[in-house]
Every structure is written in C-alpha cells, then in structure tokens.
C-alpha atoms as a PDB file:
ATOM      1  CA  MET A   1     -90.191-143.781  85.974  1.00  0.00           C
ATOM      2  CA  LYS A   2     -87.421-145.308  83.708  1.00  0.00           C
ATOM      3  CA  TYR A   3     -85.906-141.839  82.971  1.00  0.00           C
ATOM      4  CA  PHE A   4     -86.037-140.894  86.748  1.00  0.00           C
ATOM      5  CA  ILE A   5     -83.864-143.996  87.603  1.00  0.00           C
ATOM      6  CA  LEU A   6     -81.605-143.150  84.848  1.00  0.00           C
ATOM      7  CA  LEU A   7     -81.218-139.679  86.179  1.00  0.00           C
ATOM      8  CA  ILE A   8     -80.542-140.811  89.609  1.00  0.00           C
ATOM      9  CA  LEU A   9     -77.774-143.171  88.385  1.00  0.00           C
ATOM     10  CA  PHE A  10     -76.260-140.434  86.350  1.00  0.00           C
ATOM     11  CA  LEU A  11     -76.156-138.035  89.421  1.00  0.00           C
ATOM     12  CA  PHE A  12     -74.515-140.614  91.636  1.00  0.00           C
ATOM     13  CA  GLN A  13     -72.044-142.122  89.220  1.00  0.00           C
ATOM     14  CA  SER A  14     -68.220-141.697  89.698  1.00  0.00           C
ATOM     15  CA  ASP A  15     -66.871-138.705  87.859  1.00  0.00           C
ATOM     16  CA  GLY A  16     -63.594-140.366  87.383  1.00  0.00           C
ATOM     17  CA  LYS A  17     -61.707-143.537  87.458  1.00  0.00           C
ATOM     18  CA  ILE A  18     -59.579-145.011  90.220  1.00  0.00           C
ATOM     19  CA  THR A  19     -56.577-146.881  89.081  1.00  0.00           C
ATOM     20  CA  VAL A  20     -53.970-149.072  90.850  1.00  0.00           C
ATOM     21  CA  LYS A  21     -50.379-149.030  90.059  1.00  0.00           C
ATOM     22  CA  ASP A  22     -47.561-151.461  91.062  1.00  0.00           C
ATOM     23  CA  PRO A  23     -49.668-153.850  93.247  1.00  0.00           C
ATOM     24  CA  TRP A  24     -47.607-156.388  95.161  1.00  0.00           C
ATOM     25  CA  MET A  25     -47.714-158.178  98.441  1.00  0.00           C
ATOM     26  CA  ARG A  26     -45.100-160.238 100.466  1.00  0.00           C
ATOM     27  CA  PRO A  27     -44.917-163.993 100.459  1.00  0.00           C
ATOM     28  CA  ALA A  28     -46.263-165.774 103.504  1.00  0.00           C
ATOM     29  CA  PRO A  29     -47.089-169.294 104.583  1.00  0.00           C
ATOM     30  CA  LYS A  30     -50.642-170.164 105.375  1.00  0.00           C
ATOM     31  CA  SER A  31     -52.007-169.065 108.703  1.00  0.00           C
ATOM     32  CA  PHE A  32     -49.535-166.235 108.649  1.00  0.00           C
ATOM     33  CA  ASN A  33     -49.958-162.526 107.823  1.00  0.00           C
ATOM     34  CA  THR A  34     -48.840-160.433 104.755  1.00  0.00           C
ATOM     35  CA  ALA A  35     -49.093-157.054 103.628  1.00  0.00           C
ATOM     36  CA  PHE A  36     -50.314-155.549 100.236  1.00  0.00           C
ATOM     37  CA  TYR A  37     -48.820-152.486  98.654  1.00  0.00           C
ATOM     38  CA  CYS A  38     -49.609-150.274  95.665  1.00  0.00           C
ATOM     39  CA  THR A  39     -50.245-146.815  94.471  1.00  0.00           C
ATOM     40  CA  VAL A  40     -54.001-145.772  94.279  1.00  0.00           C
ATOM     41  CA  ILE A  41     -54.565-143.009  91.788  1.00  0.00           C
ATOM     42  CA  ASN A  42     -57.745-140.853  91.432  1.00  0.00           C
ATOM     43  CA  ASN A  43     -58.086-139.625  87.888  1.00  0.00           C
ATOM     44  CA  GLY A  44     -61.438-137.969  88.663  1.00  0.00           C
ATOM     45  CA  SER A  45     -62.317-134.251  89.496  1.00  0.00           C
ATOM     46  CA  LYS A  46     -63.730-135.453  92.985  1.00  0.00           C
ATOM     47  CA  ALA A  47     -62.203-137.024  95.947  1.00  0.00           C
ATOM     48  CA  ASP A  48     -63.046-140.617  96.604  1.00  0.00           C
ATOM     49  CA  THR A  49     -62.659-142.605  99.974  1.00  0.00           C
ATOM     50  CA  LEU A  50     -61.139-146.024 100.357  1.00  0.00           C
ATOM     51  CA  TYR A  51     -63.204-147.634 103.299  1.00  0.00           C
ATOM     52  CA  LYS A  52     -62.565-151.381 102.932  1.00  0.00           C
ATOM     53  CA  ALA A  53     -60.321-154.147 101.364  1.00  0.00           C
ATOM     54  CA  ALA A  54     -61.133-157.824 100.968  1.00  0.00           C
ATOM     55  CA  SER A  55     -59.390-160.928  99.449  1.00  0.00           C
ATOM     56  CA  ASN A  56     -60.177-164.595  99.075  1.00  0.00           C
ATOM     57  CA  ILE A  57     -56.856-165.535 100.692  1.00  0.00           C
ATOM     58  CA  SER A  58     -57.928-164.011 104.085  1.00  0.00           C
ATOM     59  CA  ASP A  59     -61.291-163.336 106.086  1.00  0.00           C
ATOM     60  CA  ASP A  60     -59.449-160.638 108.027  1.00  0.00           C
ATOM     61  CA  VAL A  61     -58.305-157.794 105.726  1.00  0.00           C
ATOM     62  CA  GLN A  62     -57.510-154.390 107.265  1.00  0.00           C
ATOM     63  CA  ILE A  63     -56.185-151.033 106.195  1.00  0.00           C
ATOM     64  CA  HIS A  64     -53.360-149.992 108.450  1.00  0.00           C
ATOM     65  CA  GLU A  65     -50.827-147.312 109.008  1.00  0.00           C
ATOM     66  CA  THR A  66     -47.366-147.465 110.535  1.00  0.00           C
ATOM     67  CA  TYR A  67     -46.593-144.942 113.271  1.00  0.00           C
ATOM     68  CA  LYS A  68     -43.879-144.003 115.427  1.00  0.00           C
ATOM     69  CA  LYS A  69     -44.271-143.199 119.179  1.00  0.00           C
ATOM     70  CA  GLY A  70     -41.019-142.181 120.715  1.00  0.00           C
ATOM     71  CA  ASP A  71     -38.416-144.876 119.606  1.00  0.00           C
ATOM     72  CA  LEU A  72     -41.127-147.415 118.956  1.00  0.00           C
ATOM     73  CA  LEU A  73     -42.721-148.308 115.693  1.00  0.00           C
ATOM     74  CA  GLY A  74     -46.294-149.656 115.545  1.00  0.00           C
ATOM     75  CA  MET A  75     -49.305-150.142 113.255  1.00  0.00           C
ATOM     76  CA  ARG A  76     -52.929-149.612 113.710  1.00  0.00           C
ATOM     77  CA  PRO A  77     -56.022-149.873 111.657  1.00  0.00           C
ATOM     78  CA  VAL A  78     -57.345-146.769 109.843  1.00  0.00           C
ATOM     79  CA  LYS A  79     -60.756-145.843 108.410  1.00  0.00           C
ATOM     80  CA  ASP A  80     -61.627-143.831 105.510  1.00  0.00           C
ATOM     81  CA  LEU A  81     -58.530-142.909 103.506  1.00  0.00           C
ATOM     82  CA  ILE A  82     -59.343-140.054 101.285  1.00  0.00           C
ATOM     83  CA  VAL A  83     -57.865-139.774  97.719  1.00  0.00           C
ATOM     84  CA  ALA A  84     -57.886-136.315  96.462  1.00  0.00           C
ATOM     85  CA  PRO A  85     -58.828-135.610  92.877  1.00  0.00           C
ATOM     86  CA  GLN A  86     -55.912-135.921  90.510  1.00  0.00           C
ATOM     87  CA  ASP A  87     -53.815-137.187  93.212  1.00  0.00           C
ATOM     88  CA  SER A  88     -52.441-140.553  94.579  1.00  0.00           C
ATOM     89  CA  LEU A  89     -52.296-142.615  97.800  1.00  0.00           C
ATOM     90  CA  VAL A  90     -49.212-144.583  98.258  1.00  0.00           C
ATOM     91  CA  PHE A  91     -49.159-147.897 100.247  1.00  0.00           C
ATOM     92  CA  LYS A  92     -45.706-148.940 101.196  1.00  0.00           C
ATOM     93  CA  PRO A  93     -43.525-150.622 103.680  1.00  0.00           C
ATOM     94  CA  GLY A  94     -43.356-148.230 106.686  1.00  0.00           C
ATOM     95  CA  GLY A  95     -46.518-146.248 105.683  1.00  0.00           C
ATOM     96  CA  TYR A  96     -50.006-147.106 104.712  1.00  0.00           C
ATOM     97  CA  HIS A  97     -50.441-150.821 103.911  1.00  0.00           C
ATOM     98  CA  ILE A  98     -53.188-153.387 103.720  1.00  0.00           C
ATOM     99  CA  MET A  99     -52.824-156.358 106.170  1.00  0.00           C
ATOM    100  CA  LEU A 100     -54.088-159.854 105.094  1.00  0.00           C
ATOM    101  CA  MET A 101     -54.345-161.711 108.521  1.00  0.00           C
ATOM    102  CA  ASN A 102     -54.176-165.449 109.074  1.00  0.00           C
ATOM    103  CA  LEU A 103     -53.994-166.403 105.501  1.00  0.00           C
ATOM    104  CA  ASN A 104     -56.231-169.375 104.386  1.00  0.00           C
ATOM    105  CA  GLN A 105     -53.617-170.363 101.727  1.00  0.00           C
ATOM    106  CA  GLU A 106     -50.035-169.886 101.216  1.00  0.00           C
ATOM    107  CA  ALA A 107     -48.873-166.578  99.297  1.00  0.00           C
ATOM    108  CA  VAL A 108     -45.940-168.113  97.135  1.00  0.00           C
ATOM    109  CA  LEU A 109     -43.274-166.016  95.507  1.00  0.00           C
ATOM    110  CA  ASN A 110     -44.162-165.106  91.757  1.00  0.00           C
ATOM    111  CA  GLN A 111     -47.746-166.163  92.074  1.00  0.00           C
ATOM    112  CA  LYS A 112     -50.587-163.579  91.798  1.00  0.00           C
ATOM    113  CA  LYS A 113     -53.498-163.043  94.240  1.00  0.00           C
ATOM    114  CA  MET A 114     -56.619-160.908  93.894  1.00  0.00           C
ATOM    115  CA  ILE A 115     -57.375-157.968  96.225  1.00  0.00           C
ATOM    116  CA  SER A 116     -60.577-155.827  96.272  1.00  0.00           C
ATOM    117  CA  LEU A 117     -60.402-152.192  97.204  1.00  0.00           C
ATOM    118  CA  PHE A 118     -63.865-150.532  97.967  1.00  0.00           C
ATOM    119  CA  PHE A 119     -64.436-146.924  97.255  1.00  0.00           C
ATOM    120  CA  LYS A 120     -67.525-144.839  98.345  1.00  0.00           C
ATOM    121  CA  THR A 121     -67.862-143.489  94.767  1.00  0.00           C
ATOM    122  CA  ALA A 122     -65.881-145.792  92.460  1.00  0.00           C
ATOM    123  CA  GLY A 123     -67.120-149.050  94.236  1.00  0.00           C
ATOM    124  CA  GLU A 124     -65.203-152.095  94.153  1.00  0.00           C
ATOM    125  CA  VAL A 125     -61.753-152.113  92.330  1.00  0.00           C
ATOM    126  CA  LYS A 126     -60.278-155.535  91.723  1.00  0.00           C
ATOM    127  CA  VAL A 127     -56.473-155.731  91.765  1.00  0.00           C
ATOM    128  CA  GLN A 128     -54.175-158.621  90.879  1.00  0.00           C
ATOM    129  CA  ALA A 129     -51.101-158.472  93.064  1.00  0.00           C
ATOM    130  CA  SER A 130     -47.730-160.039  92.200  1.00  0.00           C
ATOM    131  CA  ILE A 131     -46.104-161.800  95.294  1.00  0.00           C
ATOM    132  CA  GLY A 132     -42.581-160.697  95.727  1.00  0.00           C
ATOM    133  CA  SER A 133     -40.265-158.984  98.011  1.00  0.00           C
ATOM    134  CA  SER A 134     -40.471-155.552  96.388  1.00  0.00           C
ATOM    135  CA  GLN A 135     -41.199-153.867  93.351  1.00  0.00           C
END
C-alpha cells in the first residue's frame, strides 16, 4: 500500500517549477483597492493553470484583465489563466493583474506584503511583493 501511494504521488507531481519575477503592488490606504503585478514563469515541460490568488491583506482577491470596448477601458475577472511550458505570463498595468479589494490594512510604500498564487499542478506559490509605484 505504501508503494502504491508513493506511485500515485509521483504520477501527479508537478514536472517543473513555477517561479515569480519582479512582484510588486501599488500603495493604497486601508479599505481601498490595489493591484498586484509580476511575471509568472513556467520552467516545466507541461502547462499549468493559475486559478486563484489570496492574501492576508484582503479577503477579496481576484484575477482580472483590462479590456477595451470602443473608446472605453474596463476590467473584468478572469478564470484559469494557462501558463504554457517554458513560457511566461505577464501581469502589468493595462493587462492582466490581481486586484486586492477593500484592504484590511494599509499597503505602505516600500513595505512588503505576501500574496499566494494557486496553480492546478504546482499548488500554492507564496510571493513577497514590494509596494511601490512601478518596477
């Protein structure tokens, strides 16, 4: 039985690592919203899917995209962002970003805050984001 469990764990483990480069977020006062940006890199040989984000500074964390309709810009939640193998996914102003809504604490310039990114294969990836105006 022990070997069967080890075999199952081996078959379903991630074949590569997800790494996060240049994580940062905008400063914001308590009860306001802010955005988190970074580059997610899939170093593995199989695609992985980002399906959720969380943080201890907000109970409402959403993955968003910015879109244009005519002359208007808007943003909307998205689900299941796929990161291809040996590729990256960029979160930046005006594109994909992670919204932290109704902050339960202030995000002060030059501080660092934790964000967790959840992937279907790699699992939870904890990221320490610098608070600043840009990177």
